[in-house]
PDB file of N, CA and C in Angstrom:
ATOM      1  N   UNK A   1     168.781 -69.714  12.432  1.00  0.00           N
ATOM      2  CA  UNK A   1     168.063 -69.525  13.676  1.00  0.00           C
ATOM      3  C   UNK A   1     167.071 -68.367  13.531  1.00  0.00           C
ATOM      4  N   UNK A   2     167.481 -67.311  12.896  1.00  0.00           N
ATOM      5  CA  UNK A   2     166.599 -66.167  12.707  1.00  0.00           C
ATOM      6  C   UNK A   2     165.423 -66.563  11.820  1.00  0.00           C
ATOM      7  N   UNK A   3     165.690 -67.373  10.809  1.00  0.00           N
ATOM      8  CA  UNK A   3     164.627 -67.834   9.931  1.00  0.00           C
ATOM      9  C   UNK A   3     163.613 -68.678  10.687  1.00  0.00           C
ATOM     10  N   UNK A   4     164.092 -69.515  11.589  1.00  0.00           N
ATOM     11  CA  UNK A   4     163.172 -70.353  12.350  1.00  0.00           C
ATOM     12  C   UNK A   4     162.372 -69.520  13.354  1.00  0.00           C
ATOM     13  N   UNK A   5     162.983 -68.495  13.960  1.00  0.00           N
ATOM     14  CA  UNK A   5     162.215 -67.594  14.830  1.00  0.00           C
ATOM     15  C   UNK A   5     161.112 -66.905  14.030  1.00  0.00           C
ATOM     16  N   UNK A   6     161.440 -66.509  12.792  1.00  0.00           N
ATOM     17  CA  UNK A   6     160.423 -65.883  11.943  1.00  0.00           C
ATOM     18  C   UNK A   6     159.319 -66.872  11.596  1.00  0.00           C
ATOM     19  N   UNK A   7     159.684 -68.138  11.370  1.00  0.00           N
ATOM     20  CA  UNK A   7     158.672 -69.154  11.072  1.00  0.00           C
ATOM     21  C   UNK A   7     157.745 -69.361  12.262  1.00  0.00           C
ATOM     22  N   UNK A   8     158.306 -69.360  13.464  1.00  0.00           N
ATOM     23  CA  UNK A   8     157.489 -69.503  14.672  1.00  0.00           C
ATOM     24  C   UNK A   8     156.576 -68.293  14.822  1.00  0.00           C
ATOM     25  N   UNK A   9     157.104 -67.100  14.603  1.00  0.00           N
ATOM     26  CA  UNK A   9     156.308 -65.885  14.758  1.00  0.00           C
ATOM     27  C   UNK A   9     155.174 -65.835  13.734  1.00  0.00           C
ATOM     28  N   UNK A  10     155.436 -66.278  12.511  1.00  0.00           N
ATOM     29  CA  UNK A  10     154.414 -66.245  11.470  1.00  0.00           C
ATOM     30  C   UNK A  10     153.369 -67.342  11.626  1.00  0.00           C
ATOM     31  N   UNK A  11     153.703 -68.380  12.340  1.00  0.00           N
ATOM     32  CA  UNK A  11     152.794 -69.515  12.466  1.00  0.00           C
ATOM     33  C   UNK A  11     152.223 -69.649  13.877  1.00  0.00           C
ATOM     34  N   UNK A  12     152.147 -68.556  14.599  1.00  0.00           N
ATOM     35  CA  UNK A  12     151.670 -68.592  15.981  1.00  0.00           C
ATOM     36  C   UNK A  12     150.231 -69.082  16.063  1.00  0.00           C
ATOM     37  N   UNK A  13     149.382 -68.608  15.175  1.00  0.00           N
ATOM     38  CA  UNK A  13     147.979 -69.049  15.202  1.00  0.00           C
ATOM     39  C   UNK A  13     147.861 -70.527  14.868  1.00  0.00           C
ATOM     40  N   UNK A  14     148.678 -70.980  13.954  1.00  0.00           N
ATOM     41  CA  UNK A  14     148.681 -72.401  13.612  1.00  0.00           C
ATOM     42  C   UNK A  14     149.100 -73.248  14.821  1.00  0.00           C
ATOM     43  N   UNK A  15     150.098 -72.776  15.535  1.00  0.00           N
ATOM     44  CA  UNK A  15     150.553 -73.482  16.738  1.00  0.00           C
ATOM     45  C   UNK A  15     149.445 -73.490  17.782  1.00  0.00           C
ATOM     46  N   UNK A  16     148.763 -72.366  17.944  1.00  0.00           N
ATOM     47  CA  UNK A  16     147.647 -72.296  18.887  1.00  0.00           C
ATOM     48  C   UNK A  16     146.523 -73.237  18.507  1.00  0.00           C
ATOM     49  N   UNK A  17     146.243 -73.343  17.213  1.00  0.00           N
ATOM     50  CA  UNK A  17     145.207 -74.259  16.756  1.00  0.00           C
ATOM     51  C   UNK A  17     145.596 -75.712  17.041  1.00  0.00           C
ATOM     52  N   UNK A  18     146.849 -76.037  16.783  1.00  0.00           N
ATOM     53  CA  UNK A  18     147.319 -77.389  17.084  1.00  0.00           C
ATOM     54  C   UNK A  18     147.217 -77.696  18.574  1.00  0.00           C
ATOM     55  N   UNK A  19     147.588 -76.717  19.397  1.00  0.00           N
ATOM     56  CA  UNK A  19     147.498 -76.924  20.851  1.00  0.00           C
ATOM     57  C   UNK A  19     146.038 -77.077  21.279  1.00  0.00           C
ATOM     58  N   UNK A  20     145.135 -76.292  20.675  1.00  0.00           N
ATOM     59  CA  UNK A  20     143.711 -76.385  21.018  1.00  0.00           C
ATOM     60  C   UNK A  20     143.128 -77.731  20.583  1.00  0.00           C
ATOM     61  N   UNK A  21     143.659 -78.300  19.509  1.00  0.00           N
ATOM     62  CA  UNK A  21     143.191 -79.597  19.038  1.00  0.00           C
ATOM     63  C   UNK A  21     143.745 -80.762  19.864  1.00  0.00           C
ATOM     64  N   UNK A  22     144.664 -80.465  20.766  1.00  0.00           N
ATOM     65  CA  UNK A  22     145.170 -81.503  21.653  1.00  0.00           C
ATOM     66  C   UNK A  22     146.582 -81.971  21.380  1.00  0.00           C
ATOM     67  N   UNK A  23     147.256 -81.342  20.453  1.00  0.00           N
ATOM     68  CA  UNK A  23     148.650 -81.716  20.205  1.00  0.00           C
ATOM     69  C   UNK A  23     149.492 -81.288  21.401  1.00  0.00           C
ATOM     70  N   UNK A  24     150.370 -82.148  21.810  1.00  0.00           N
ATOM     71  CA  UNK A  24     151.223 -81.863  22.963  1.00  0.00           C
ATOM     72  C   UNK A  24     152.418 -81.005  22.598  1.00  0.00           C
ATOM     73  N   UNK A  25     153.080 -80.534  23.624  1.00  0.00           N
ATOM     74  CA  UNK A  25     154.267 -79.697  23.403  1.00  0.00           C
ATOM     75  C   UNK A  25     155.359 -80.461  22.676  1.00  0.00           C
ATOM     76  N   UNK A  26     155.501 -81.738  23.039  1.00  0.00           N
ATOM     77  CA  UNK A  26     156.555 -82.543  22.419  1.00  0.00           C
ATOM     78  C   UNK A  26     156.296 -82.758  20.927  1.00  0.00           C
ATOM     79  N   UNK A  27     155.044 -82.934  20.544  1.00  0.00           N
ATOM     80  CA  UNK A  27     154.749 -83.145  19.120  1.00  0.00           C
ATOM     81  C   UNK A  27     154.986 -81.865  18.316  1.00  0.00           C
ATOM     82  N   UNK A  28     154.693 -80.713  18.897  1.00  0.00           N
ATOM     83  CA  UNK A  28     154.973 -79.442  18.205  1.00  0.00           C
ATOM     84  C   UNK A  28     156.472 -79.215  18.109  1.00  0.00           C
ATOM     85  N   UNK A  29     157.194 -79.527  19.190  1.00  0.00           N
ATOM     86  CA  UNK A  29     158.653 -79.415  19.180  1.00  0.00           C
ATOM     87  C   UNK A  29     159.241 -80.314  18.095  1.00  0.00           C
ATOM     88  N   UNK A  30     158.771 -81.537  18.013  1.00  0.00           N
ATOM     89  CA  UNK A  30     159.284 -82.476  17.010  1.00  0.00           C
ATOM     90  C   UNK A  30     158.927 -82.033  15.590  1.00  0.00           C
ATOM     91  N   UNK A  31     157.756 -81.430  15.416  1.00  0.00           N
ATOM     92  CA  UNK A  31     157.369 -80.958  14.084  1.00  0.00           C
ATOM     93  C   UNK A  31     158.333 -79.882  13.589  1.00  0.00           C
ATOM     94  N   UNK A  32     158.675 -78.938  14.455  1.00  0.00           N
ATOM     95  CA  UNK A  32     159.618 -77.895  14.056  1.00  0.00           C
ATOM     96  C   UNK A  32     161.023 -78.455  13.844  1.00  0.00           C
ATOM     97  N   UNK A  33     161.430 -79.412  14.679  1.00  0.00           N
ATOM     98  CA  UNK A  33     162.756 -80.005  14.508  1.00  0.00           C
ATOM     99  C   UNK A  33     162.849 -80.806  13.204  1.00  0.00           C
ATOM    100  N   UNK A  34     161.800 -81.534  12.870  1.00  0.00           N
ATOM    101  CA  UNK A  34     161.803 -82.302  11.615  1.00  0.00           C
ATOM    102  C   UNK A  34     161.797 -81.355  10.418  1.00  0.00           C
ATOM    103  N   UNK A  35     161.018 -80.284  10.507  1.00  0.00           N
ATOM    104  CA  UNK A  35     161.008 -79.296   9.429  1.00  0.00           C
ATOM    105  C   UNK A  35     162.395 -78.697   9.233  1.00  0.00           C
ATOM    106  N   UNK A  36     163.051 -78.354  10.316  1.00  0.00           N
ATOM    107  CA  UNK A  36     164.398 -77.798  10.233  1.00  0.00           C
ATOM    108  C   UNK A  36     165.388 -78.818   9.691  1.00  0.00           C
ATOM    109  N   UNK A  37     165.233 -80.070  10.083  1.00  0.00           N
ATOM    110  CA  UNK A  37     166.105 -81.129   9.588  1.00  0.00           C
ATOM    111  C   UNK A  37     165.968 -81.291   8.080  1.00  0.00           C
ATOM    112  N   UNK A  38     164.751 -81.245   7.577  1.00  0.00           N
ATOM    113  CA  UNK A  38     164.523 -81.375   6.134  1.00  0.00           C
ATOM    114  C   UNK A  38     165.119 -80.188   5.381  1.00  0.00           C
ATOM    115  N   UNK A  39     164.938 -78.990   5.909  1.00  0.00           N
ATOM    116  CA  UNK A  39     165.498 -77.795   5.265  1.00  0.00           C
ATOM    117  C   UNK A  39     167.023 -77.851   5.271  1.00  0.00           C
ATOM    118  N   UNK A  40     167.614 -78.235   6.419  1.00  0.00           N
ATOM    119  CA  UNK A  40     169.066 -78.302   6.525  1.00  0.00           C
ATOM    120  C   UNK A  40     169.639 -79.382   5.612  1.00  0.00           C
ATOM    121  N   UNK A  41     168.966 -80.515   5.542  1.00  0.00           N
ATOM    122  CA  UNK A  41     169.447 -81.605   4.692  1.00  0.00           C
ATOM    123  C   UNK A  41     169.372 -81.223   3.217  1.00  0.00           C
ATOM    124  N   UNK A  42     168.292 -80.563   2.818  1.00  0.00           N
ATOM    125  CA  UNK A  42     168.194 -80.141   1.416  1.00  0.00           C
ATOM    126  C   UNK A  42     169.248 -79.081   1.091  1.00  0.00           C
ATOM    127  N   UNK A  43     169.532 -78.182   2.032  1.00  0.00           N
ATOM    128  CA  UNK A  43     170.600 -77.205   1.818  1.00  0.00           C
ATOM    129  C   UNK A  43     171.966 -77.860   1.740  1.00  0.00           C
ATOM    130  N   UNK A  44     172.201 -78.862   2.577  1.00  0.00           N
ATOM    131  CA  UNK A  44     173.468 -79.584   2.539  1.00  0.00           C
ATOM    132  C   UNK A  44     173.651 -80.340   1.235  1.00  0.00           C
ATOM    133  N   UNK A  45     172.587 -80.975   0.759  1.00  0.00           N
ATOM    134  CA  UNK A  45     172.657 -81.699  -0.517  1.00  0.00           C
ATOM    135  C   UNK A  45     172.911 -80.719  -1.663  1.00  0.00           C
ATOM    136  N   UNK A  46     172.260 -79.563  -1.628  1.00  0.00           N
ATOM    137  CA  UNK A  46     172.500 -78.545  -2.662  1.00  0.00           C
ATOM    138  C   UNK A  46     173.948 -78.051  -2.606  1.00  0.00           C
ATOM    139  N   UNK A  47     174.493 -77.891  -1.410  1.00  0.00           N
ATOM    140  CA  UNK A  47     175.883 -77.466  -1.272  1.00  0.00           C
ATOM    141  C   UNK A  47     176.865 -78.494  -1.799  1.00  0.00           C
ATOM    142  N   UNK A  48     176.615 -79.765  -1.495  1.00  0.00           N
ATOM    143  CA  UNK A  48     177.493 -80.832  -1.995  1.00  0.00           C
ATOM    144  C   UNK A  48     177.391 -80.924  -3.518  1.00  0.00           C
ATOM    145  N   UNK A  49     176.180 -80.775  -4.058  1.00  0.00           N
ATOM    146  CA  UNK A  49     176.012 -80.811  -5.512  1.00  0.00           C
ATOM    147  C   UNK A  49     176.744 -79.646  -6.176  1.00  0.00           C
ATOM    148  N   UNK A  50     176.665 -78.478  -5.573  1.00  0.00           N
ATOM    149  CA  UNK A  50     177.388 -77.315  -6.105  1.00  0.00           C
ATOM    150  C   UNK A  50     178.896 -77.533  -6.038  1.00  0.00           C
ATOM    151  N   UNK A  51     179.369 -78.120  -4.944  1.00  0.00           N
ATOM    152  CA  UNK A  51     180.804 -78.410  -4.815  1.00  0.00           C
ATOM    153  C   UNK A  51     181.245 -79.423  -5.869  1.00  0.00           C
ATOM    154  N   UNK A  52     180.381 -80.387  -6.184  1.00  0.00           N
ATOM    155  CA  UNK A  52     180.728 -81.352  -7.229  1.00  0.00           C
ATOM    156  C   UNK A  52     180.862 -80.679  -8.586  1.00  0.00           C
ATOM    157  N   UNK A  53     179.993 -79.728  -8.868  1.00  0.00           N
ATOM    158  CA  UNK A  53     180.084 -78.999 -10.136  1.00  0.00           C
ATOM    159  C   UNK A  53     181.339 -78.130 -10.141  1.00  0.00           C
ATOM    160  N   UNK A  54     181.636 -77.472  -9.023  1.00  0.00           N
ATOM    161  CA  UNK A  54     182.822 -76.614  -8.959  1.00  0.00           C
ATOM    162  C   UNK A  54     184.118 -77.410  -9.020  1.00  0.00           C
ATOM    163  N   UNK A  55     184.084 -78.671  -8.610  1.00  0.00           N
ATOM    164  CA  UNK A  55     185.308 -79.469  -8.635  1.00  0.00           C
ATOM    165  C   UNK A  55     185.744 -79.796 -10.057  1.00  0.00           C
ATOM    166  N   UNK A  56     184.868 -79.648 -11.018  1.00  0.00           N
ATOM    167  CA  UNK A  56     185.221 -79.905 -12.407  1.00  0.00           C
ATOM    168  C   UNK A  56     186.013 -78.754 -13.028  1.00  0.00           C
ATOM    169  N   UNK A  57     185.995 -77.614 -12.383  1.00  0.00           N
ATOM    170  CA  UNK A  57     186.643 -76.406 -12.917  1.00  0.00           C
ATOM    171  C   UNK A  57     187.988 -76.188 -12.227  1.00  0.00           C
ATOM    172  N   UNK A  58     188.983 -75.784 -12.990  1.00  0.00           N
ATOM    173  CA  UNK A  58     190.289 -75.426 -12.432  1.00  0.00           C
ATOM    174  C   UNK A  58     190.424 -73.911 -12.447  1.00  0.00           C
ATOM    175  N   UNK A  59     190.835 -73.362 -11.321  1.00  0.00           N
ATOM    176  CA  UNK A  59     190.949 -71.913 -11.172  1.00  0.00           C
ATOM    177  C   UNK A  59     192.423 -71.542 -11.198  1.00  0.00           C
ATOM    178  N   UNK A  60     192.736 -70.461 -11.876  1.00  0.00           N
ATOM    179  CA  UNK A  60     194.130 -70.017 -11.902  1.00  0.00           C
ATOM    180  C   UNK A  60     194.197 -68.513 -11.695  1.00  0.00           C
ATOM    181  N   UNK A  61     195.301 -68.084 -11.144  1.00  0.00           N
ATOM    182  CA  UNK A  61     195.548 -66.663 -10.913  1.00  0.00           C
ATOM    183  C   UNK A  61     197.040 -66.399 -11.083  1.00  0.00           C
ATOM    184  N   UNK A  62     197.397 -65.144 -11.146  1.00  0.00           N
ATOM    185  CA  UNK A  62     198.792 -64.781 -11.338  1.00  0.00           C
ATOM    186  C   UNK A  62     199.348 -64.171 -10.059  1.00  0.00           C
ATOM    187  N   UNK A  63     200.523 -64.640  -9.669  1.00  0.00           N
ATOM    188  CA  UNK A  63     201.251 -64.054  -8.556  1.00  0.00           C
ATOM    189  C   UNK A  63     202.058 -62.886  -9.119  1.00  0.00           C
ATOM    190  N   UNK A  64     201.693 -61.656  -8.738  1.00  0.00           N
ATOM    191  CA  UNK A  64     202.310 -60.482  -9.352  1.00  0.00           C
ATOM    192  C   UNK A  64     203.720 -60.209  -8.841  1.00  0.00           C
ATOM    193  N   UNK A  65     204.151 -60.882  -7.768  1.00  0.00           N
ATOM    194  CA  UNK A  65     205.539 -60.712  -7.317  1.00  0.00           C
ATOM    195  C   UNK A  65     206.504 -61.459  -8.229  1.00  0.00           C
ATOM    196  N   UNK A  66     206.123 -62.673  -8.603  1.00  0.00           N
ATOM    197  CA  UNK A  66     207.014 -63.485  -9.428  1.00  0.00           C
ATOM    198  C   UNK A  66     206.481 -63.675 -10.846  1.00  0.00           C
ATOM    199  N   UNK A  67     205.308 -63.174 -11.124  1.00  0.00           N
ATOM    200  CA  UNK A  67     204.635 -63.348 -12.413  1.00  0.00           C
ATOM    201  C   UNK A  67     204.471 -64.824 -12.786  1.00  0.00           C
ATOM    202  N   UNK A  68     204.289 -65.634 -11.773  1.00  0.00           N
ATOM    203  CA  UNK A  68     204.041 -67.059 -12.003  1.00  0.00           C
ATOM    204  C   UNK A  68     202.539 -67.310 -11.910  1.00  0.00           C
ATOM    205  N   UNK A  69     202.092 -68.264 -12.667  1.00  0.00           N
ATOM    206  CA  UNK A  69     200.676 -68.611 -12.628  1.00  0.00           C
ATOM    207  C   UNK A  69     200.458 -69.697 -11.584  1.00  0.00           C
ATOM    208  N   UNK A  70     199.471 -69.459 -10.762  1.00  0.00           N
ATOM    209  CA  UNK A  70     199.110 -70.414  -9.729  1.00  0.00           C
ATOM    210  C   UNK A  70     197.735 -70.963 -10.079  1.00  0.00           C
ATOM    211  N   UNK A  71     197.618 -72.278 -10.131  1.00  0.00           N
ATOM    212  CA  UNK A  71     196.319 -72.877 -10.432  1.00  0.00           C
ATOM    213  C   UNK A  71     195.975 -73.894  -9.351  1.00  0.00           C
ATOM    214  N   UNK A  72     194.691 -74.026  -9.106  1.00  0.00           N
ATOM    215  CA  UNK A  72     194.220 -74.994  -8.127  1.00  0.00           C
ATOM    216  C   UNK A  72     192.833 -75.463  -8.523  1.00  0.00           C
ATOM    217  N   UNK A  73     192.452 -76.573  -7.951  1.00  0.00           N
ATOM    218  CA  UNK A  73     191.111 -77.101  -8.170  1.00  0.00           C
ATOM    219  C   UNK A  73     190.616 -77.700  -6.860  1.00  0.00           C
ATOM    220  N   UNK A  74     189.317 -77.841  -6.755  1.00  0.00           N
ATOM    221  CA  UNK A  74     188.717 -78.408  -5.554  1.00  0.00           C
ATOM    222  C   UNK A  74     188.822 -79.927  -5.603  1.00  0.00           C
ATOM    223  N   UNK A  75     189.153 -80.507  -4.486  1.00  0.00           N
ATOM    224  CA  UNK A  75     189.164 -81.964  -4.362  1.00  0.00           C
ATOM    225  C   UNK A  75     187.906 -82.378  -3.631  1.00  0.00           C
ATOM    226  N   UNK A  76     187.310 -83.452  -4.071  1.00  0.00           N
ATOM    227  CA  UNK A  76     186.118 -83.942  -3.389  1.00  0.00           C
ATOM    228  C   UNK A  76     186.288 -85.419  -3.090  1.00  0.00           C
ATOM    229  N   UNK A  77     185.641 -85.840  -2.027  1.00  0.00           N
ATOM    230  CA  UNK A  77     185.652 -87.246  -1.654  1.00  0.00           C
ATOM    231  C   UNK A  77     184.349 -87.545  -0.919  1.00  0.00           C
ATOM    232  N   UNK A  78     183.968 -88.790  -0.849  1.00  0.00           N
ATOM    233  CA  UNK A  78     182.747 -89.129  -0.110  1.00  0.00           C
ATOM    234  C   UNK A  78     182.843 -88.748   1.379  1.00  0.00           C
ATOM    235  N   UNK A  79     184.037 -88.814   1.928  1.00  0.00           N
ATOM    236  CA  UNK A  79     184.234 -88.442   3.335  1.00  0.00           C
ATOM    237  C   UNK A  79     183.937 -86.955   3.566  1.00  0.00           C
ATOM    238  N   UNK A  80     184.415 -86.115   2.684  1.00  0.00           N
ATOM    239  CA  UNK A  80     184.166 -84.679   2.800  1.00  0.00           C
ATOM    240  C   UNK A  80     182.677 -84.388   2.618  1.00  0.00           C
ATOM    241  N   UNK A  81     182.037 -85.080   1.692  1.00  0.00           N
ATOM    242  CA  UNK A  81     180.600 -84.883   1.475  1.00  0.00           C
ATOM    243  C   UNK A  81     179.807 -85.284   2.714  1.00  0.00           C
ATOM    244  N   UNK A  82     180.181 -86.377   3.353  1.00  0.00           N
ATOM    245  CA  UNK A  82     179.486 -86.809   4.571  1.00  0.00           C
ATOM    246  C   UNK A  82     179.689 -85.796   5.699  1.00  0.00           C
ATOM    247  N   UNK A  83     180.923 -85.291   5.855  1.00  0.00           N
ATOM    248  CA  UNK A  83     181.179 -84.265   6.872  1.00  0.00           C
ATOM    249  C   UNK A  83     180.351 -83.011   6.609  1.00  0.00           C
ATOM    250  N   UNK A  84     180.255 -82.631   5.349  1.00  0.00           N
ATOM    251  CA  UNK A  84     179.474 -81.437   4.997  1.00  0.00           C
ATOM    252  C   UNK A  84     177.996 -81.641   5.313  1.00  0.00           C
ATOM    253  N   UNK A  85     177.454 -82.811   5.002  1.00  0.00           N
ATOM    254  CA  UNK A  85     176.053 -83.090   5.307  1.00  0.00           C
ATOM    255  C   UNK A  85     175.802 -83.159   6.809  1.00  0.00           C
ATOM    256  N   UNK A  86     176.726 -83.774   7.550  1.00  0.00           N
ATOM    257  CA  UNK A  86     176.572 -83.830   9.009  1.00  0.00           C
ATOM    258  C   UNK A  86     176.638 -82.436   9.621  1.00  0.00           C
ATOM    259  N   UNK A  87     177.520 -81.586   9.098  1.00  0.00           N
ATOM    260  CA  UNK A  87     177.624 -80.211   9.586  1.00  0.00           C
ATOM    261  C   UNK A  87     176.344 -79.433   9.289  1.00  0.00           C
ATOM    262  N   UNK A  88     175.790 -79.599   8.091  1.00  0.00           N
ATOM    263  CA  UNK A  88     174.549 -78.907   7.730  1.00  0.00           C
ATOM    264  C   UNK A  88     173.408 -79.337   8.643  1.00  0.00           C
ATOM    265  N   UNK A  89     173.310 -80.636   8.910  1.00  0.00           N
ATOM    266  CA  UNK A  89     172.251 -81.138   9.783  1.00  0.00           C
ATOM    267  C   UNK A  89     172.434 -80.622  11.202  1.00  0.00           C
ATOM    268  N   UNK A  90     173.676 -80.647  11.700  1.00  0.00           N
ATOM    269  CA  UNK A  90     173.941 -80.162  13.062  1.00  0.00           C
ATOM    270  C   UNK A  90     173.593 -78.682  13.198  1.00  0.00           C
ATOM    271  N   UNK A  91     173.967 -77.873  12.218  1.00  0.00           N
ATOM    272  CA  UNK A  91     173.666 -76.444  12.279  1.00  0.00           C
ATOM    273  C   UNK A  91     172.159 -76.197  12.174  1.00  0.00           C
ATOM    274  N   UNK A  92     171.482 -76.978  11.358  1.00  0.00           N
ATOM    275  CA  UNK A  92     170.032 -76.842  11.242  1.00  0.00           C
ATOM    276  C   UNK A  92     169.327 -77.172  12.546  1.00  0.00           C
ATOM    277  N   UNK A  93     169.761 -78.239  13.207  1.00  0.00           N
ATOM    278  CA  UNK A  93     169.132 -78.622  14.470  1.00  0.00           C
ATOM    279  C   UNK A  93     169.469 -77.640  15.587  1.00  0.00           C
ATOM    280  N   UNK A  94     170.725 -77.184  15.632  1.00  0.00           N
ATOM    281  CA  UNK A  94     171.102 -76.204  16.660  1.00  0.00           C
ATOM    282  C   UNK A  94     170.370 -74.883  16.455  1.00  0.00           C
ATOM    283  N   UNK A  95     170.221 -74.471  15.211  1.00  0.00           N
ATOM    284  CA  UNK A  95     169.534 -73.219  14.921  1.00  0.00           C
ATOM    285  C   UNK A  95     168.040 -73.289  15.136  1.00  0.00           C
ATOM    286  N   UNK A  96     167.495 -74.471  15.181  1.00  0.00           N
ATOM    287  CA  UNK A  96     166.052 -74.623  15.326  1.00  0.00           C
ATOM    288  C   UNK A  96     165.625 -74.933  16.754  1.00  0.00           C
ATOM    289  N   UNK A  97     166.527 -75.396  17.574  1.00  0.00           N
ATOM    290  CA  UNK A  97     166.121 -75.893  18.884  1.00  0.00           C
ATOM    291  C   UNK A  97     165.426 -74.830  19.733  1.00  0.00           C
ATOM    292  N   UNK A  98     166.029 -73.661  19.877  1.00  0.00           N
ATOM    293  CA  UNK A  98     165.412 -72.607  20.705  1.00  0.00           C
ATOM    294  C   UNK A  98     164.082 -72.107  20.130  1.00  0.00           C
ATOM    295  N   UNK A  99     163.985 -71.842  18.812  1.00  0.00           N
ATOM    296  CA  UNK A  99     162.667 -71.467  18.281  1.00  0.00           C
ATOM    297  C   UNK A  99     161.622 -72.575  18.454  1.00  0.00           C
ATOM    298  N   UNK A 100     162.026 -73.829  18.336  1.00  0.00           N
ATOM    299  CA  UNK A 100     161.073 -74.925  18.506  1.00  0.00           C
ATOM    300  C   UNK A 100     160.604 -75.012  19.952  1.00  0.00           C
ATOM    301  N   UNK A 101     161.508 -74.789  20.893  1.00  0.00           N
ATOM    302  CA  UNK A 101     161.119 -74.775  22.304  1.00  0.00           C
ATOM    303  C   UNK A 101     160.156 -73.625  22.559  1.00  0.00           C
ATOM    304  N   UNK A 102     160.429 -72.459  21.979  1.00  0.00           N
ATOM    305  CA  UNK A 102     159.533 -71.314  22.136  1.00  0.00           C
ATOM    306  C   UNK A 102     158.147 -71.638  21.576  1.00  0.00           C
ATOM    307  N   UNK A 103     158.108 -72.291  20.425  1.00  0.00           N
ATOM    308  CA  UNK A 103     156.828 -72.642  19.815  1.00  0.00           C
ATOM    309  C   UNK A 103     156.056 -73.633  20.679  1.00  0.00           C
ATOM    310  N   UNK A 104     156.755 -74.576  21.267  1.00  0.00           N
ATOM    311  CA  UNK A 104     156.059 -75.583  22.068  1.00  0.00           C
ATOM    312  C   UNK A 104     155.585 -75.020  23.402  1.00  0.00           C
ATOM    313  N   UNK A 105     156.170 -73.924  23.858  1.00  0.00           N
ATOM    314  CA  UNK A 105     155.788 -73.347  25.151  1.00  0.00           C
ATOM    315  C   UNK A 105     154.712 -72.274  25.057  1.00  0.00           C
ATOM    316  N   UNK A 106     154.275 -71.951  23.858  1.00  0.00           N
ATOM    317  CA  UNK A 106     153.237 -70.929  23.718  1.00  0.00           C
ATOM    318  C   UNK A 106     151.954 -71.378  24.405  1.00  0.00           C
ATOM    319  N   UNK A 107     151.314 -70.448  25.081  1.00  0.00           N
ATOM    320  CA  UNK A 107     150.019 -70.746  25.691  1.00  0.00           C
ATOM    321  C   UNK A 107     148.965 -70.742  24.601  1.00  0.00           C
ATOM    322  N   UNK A 108     147.974 -71.596  24.747  1.00  0.00           N
ATOM    323  CA  UNK A 108     146.960 -71.778  23.717  1.00  0.00           C
ATOM    324  C   UNK A 108     146.223 -70.473  23.417  1.00  0.00           C
ATOM    325  N   UNK A 109     145.750 -69.803  24.450  1.00  0.00           N
ATOM    326  CA  UNK A 109     144.962 -68.576  24.222  1.00  0.00           C
ATOM    327  C   UNK A 109     145.808 -67.457  23.635  1.00  0.00           C
ATOM    328  N   UNK A 110     147.040 -67.319  24.121  1.00  0.00           N
ATOM    329  CA  UNK A 110     147.924 -66.285  23.564  1.00  0.00           C
ATOM    330  C   UNK A 110     148.224 -66.543  22.100  1.00  0.00           C
ATOM    331  N   UNK A 111     148.422 -67.815  21.757  1.00  0.00           N
ATOM    332  CA  UNK A 111     148.725 -68.166  20.370  1.00  0.00           C
ATOM    333  C   UNK A 111     147.519 -67.935  19.460  1.00  0.00           C
ATOM    334  N   UNK A 112     146.327 -68.236  19.955  1.00  0.00           N
ATOM    335  CA  UNK A 112     145.143 -68.029  19.132  1.00  0.00           C
ATOM    336  C   UNK A 112     144.796 -66.557  18.955  1.00  0.00           C
ATOM    337  N   UNK A 113     145.142 -65.726  19.915  1.00  0.00           N
ATOM    338  CA  UNK A 113     144.848 -64.284  19.837  1.00  0.00           C
ATOM    339  C   UNK A 113     145.856 -63.540  18.964  1.00  0.00           C
ATOM    340  N   UNK A 114     146.985 -64.146  18.657  1.00  0.00           N
ATOM    341  CA  UNK A 114     148.027 -63.469  17.875  1.00  0.00           C
ATOM    342  C   UNK A 114     147.506 -63.138  16.489  1.00  0.00           C
ATOM    343  N   UNK A 115     147.981 -62.030  15.959  1.00  0.00           N
ATOM    344  CA  UNK A 115     147.542 -61.601  14.630  1.00  0.00           C
ATOM    345  C   UNK A 115     148.547 -61.980  13.598  1.00  0.00           C
TER     346      UNK A 115
END
């Protein structure tokens, strides 16, 4: 969410230019939501890919009370991957909604005057 607020703040003049060219509030809102969706989806895919690589490794540690070795490994399934991707998309959209609304509500002249 903070990243998307920063994106809105850095692109204020661009938003003002789009509004001056006749783009509606809904199209600007959708542009930010689609951008956030793409970023969230790519992050989710990277996370699932990293989890797939980590699932090949077995981790072990020693319990110092009993001096027994404890080992575990990550389990993966298509169901878990789908849940992870849906969670990434949901968090991306939730984190972007308020900044996208702010971007779509900017007044044209205020946005163009921003530095």
